[in-house]
Amino acid sequence: MARARRYPEELLERATRLVFESGRPIAHVGRDLGIAPETLRKYVRRVEADEGRRKDILTSEEREEIKALRKEVAQLRRANEILKSASVFFAGELDPHRPK
């Protein structure tokens, strides 16, 4: 369960615009608006990645895709383990004299 956001999305967007437009340090903008500097820094980095300003950070879409792919891999691994167990079981049923 996701925890509640401490700062409204609109406030973070406004602060991000101020950082980009004014060129002031993130810590100063955060202090003026009452936002923790680290929170604002992370949000600014995410916006920069999403807008293509930074290539060294994954975009929100890429992070969501990786999350979905990891979930799919986990499901496929579970299914693979089930199929392996089932094949061992049925092999034993078909040939009871076969060593396990």
Protein backbone atom coordinates (compact mmCIF):
# COMPACT_ATOMS: atom_id res chain seq x y z
CA MET A 1 0.00 0.00 0.00
CA ALA A 2 1.40 3.36 -1.00
CA ARG A 3 1.79 5.91 1.70
CA ALA A 4 0.07 9.27 1.51
CA ARG A 5 1.90 12.04 -0.27
CA ARG A 6 3.25 14.68 2.04
CA TYR A 7 3.26 17.44 -0.57
CA PRO A 8 0.53 18.09 -3.13
CA GLU A 9 1.48 17.37 -6.73
CA GLU A 10 0.69 20.97 -7.72
CA LEU A 11 3.18 22.33 -5.17
CA LEU A 12 5.93 20.05 -6.45
CA GLU A 13 5.18 21.04 -10.06
CA ARG A 14 5.29 24.73 -9.12
CA ALA A 15 8.58 24.26 -7.28
CA THR A 16 10.04 22.40 -10.26
CA ARG A 17 9.05 25.21 -12.62
CA LEU A 18 10.70 27.70 -10.25
CA VAL A 19 13.92 25.67 -10.21
CA PHE A 20 14.01 25.50 -14.02
CA GLU A 21 12.96 29.08 -14.71
CA SER A 22 14.84 30.93 -11.97
CA GLY A 23 18.01 28.86 -11.96
CA ARG A 24 18.05 29.05 -8.17
CA PRO A 25 19.39 26.09 -6.21
CA ILE A 26 16.88 23.39 -5.33
CA ALA A 27 17.56 23.83 -1.61
CA HIS A 28 16.64 27.53 -1.75
CA VAL A 29 13.42 26.95 -3.68
CA GLY A 30 12.50 24.09 -1.35
CA ARG A 31 13.12 26.22 1.73
CA ASP A 32 11.01 29.09 0.33
CA LEU A 33 8.08 26.77 -0.39
CA GLY A 34 8.44 24.56 2.69
CA ILE A 35 9.49 21.42 0.80
CA ALA A 36 12.28 19.17 1.99
CA PRO A 37 15.25 19.70 -0.36
CA GLU A 38 15.78 15.98 -0.97
CA THR A 39 12.11 15.50 -1.91
CA LEU A 40 12.27 18.37 -4.35
CA ARG A 41 15.60 17.17 -5.76
CA LYS A 42 14.15 13.72 -6.49
CA TYR A 43 11.06 15.23 -8.10
CA VAL A 44 13.16 17.58 -10.25
CA ARG A 45 15.33 14.67 -11.41
CA ARG A 46 12.24 12.64 -12.32
CA VAL A 47 10.79 15.54 -14.31
CA GLU A 48 14.11 16.06 -16.07
CA ALA A 49 14.21 12.37 -17.05
CA ASP A 50 10.59 12.37 -18.23
CA GLU A 51 11.16 15.48 -20.35
CA GLY A 52 14.34 14.06 -21.88
CA ARG A 53 16.69 16.56 -20.23
CA ARG A 54 18.64 13.74 -18.58
CA LYS A 55 19.60 10.52 -20.30
CA ASP A 56 21.30 8.93 -17.29
CA ILE A 57 18.05 8.40 -15.36
CA LEU A 58 15.13 6.13 -16.26
CA THR A 59 11.87 7.82 -17.19
CA SER A 60 8.66 7.05 -15.31
CA GLU A 61 7.49 4.91 -18.24
CA GLU A 62 10.70 2.89 -18.20
CA ARG A 63 10.47 2.37 -14.43
CA GLU A 64 6.87 1.16 -14.77
CA GLU A 65 7.85 -1.17 -17.63
CA ILE A 66 10.70 -2.65 -15.58
CA LYS A 67 8.35 -3.12 -12.63
CA ALA A 68 5.82 -4.94 -14.84
CA LEU A 69 8.52 -7.11 -16.43
CA ARG A 70 9.91 -8.10 -13.03
CA LYS A 71 6.43 -9.08 -11.91
CA GLU A 72 5.96 -11.14 -15.08
CA VAL A 73 9.34 -12.86 -14.59
CA ALA A 74 8.39 -13.81 -11.02
CA GLN A 75 5.08 -15.27 -12.22
CA LEU A 76 6.80 -17.22 -14.99
CA ARG A 77 9.38 -18.60 -12.56
CA ARG A 78 6.60 -19.73 -10.22
CA ALA A 79 4.79 -21.38 -13.14
CA ASN A 80 8.03 -23.04 -14.23
CA GLU A 81 8.56 -24.51 -10.73
CA ILE A 82 5.00 -25.83 -10.72
CA LEU A 83 5.50 -27.44 -14.13
CA LYS A 84 8.78 -29.01 -13.02
CA SER A 85 7.10 -30.49 -9.94
CA ALA A 86 4.19 -31.74 -12.03
CA SER A 87 6.49 -33.38 -14.58
CA VAL A 88 8.38 -35.20 -11.80
CA PHE A 89 5.08 -36.35 -10.28
CA PHE A 90 3.63 -37.60 -13.57
CA ALA A 91 6.90 -39.28 -14.58
CA GLY A 92 6.70 -41.24 -11.33
CA GLU A 93 3.07 -42.16 -12.01
CA LEU A 94 3.82 -43.41 -15.51
CA ASP A 95 6.87 -45.46 -14.55
CA PRO A 96 6.71 -46.48 -10.86
CA HIS A 97 9.97 -48.49 -11.13
CA ARG A 98 12.00 -45.50 -12.29
CA PRO A 99 14.43 -44.22 -9.63
CA LYS A 100 13.78 -40.73 -8.38
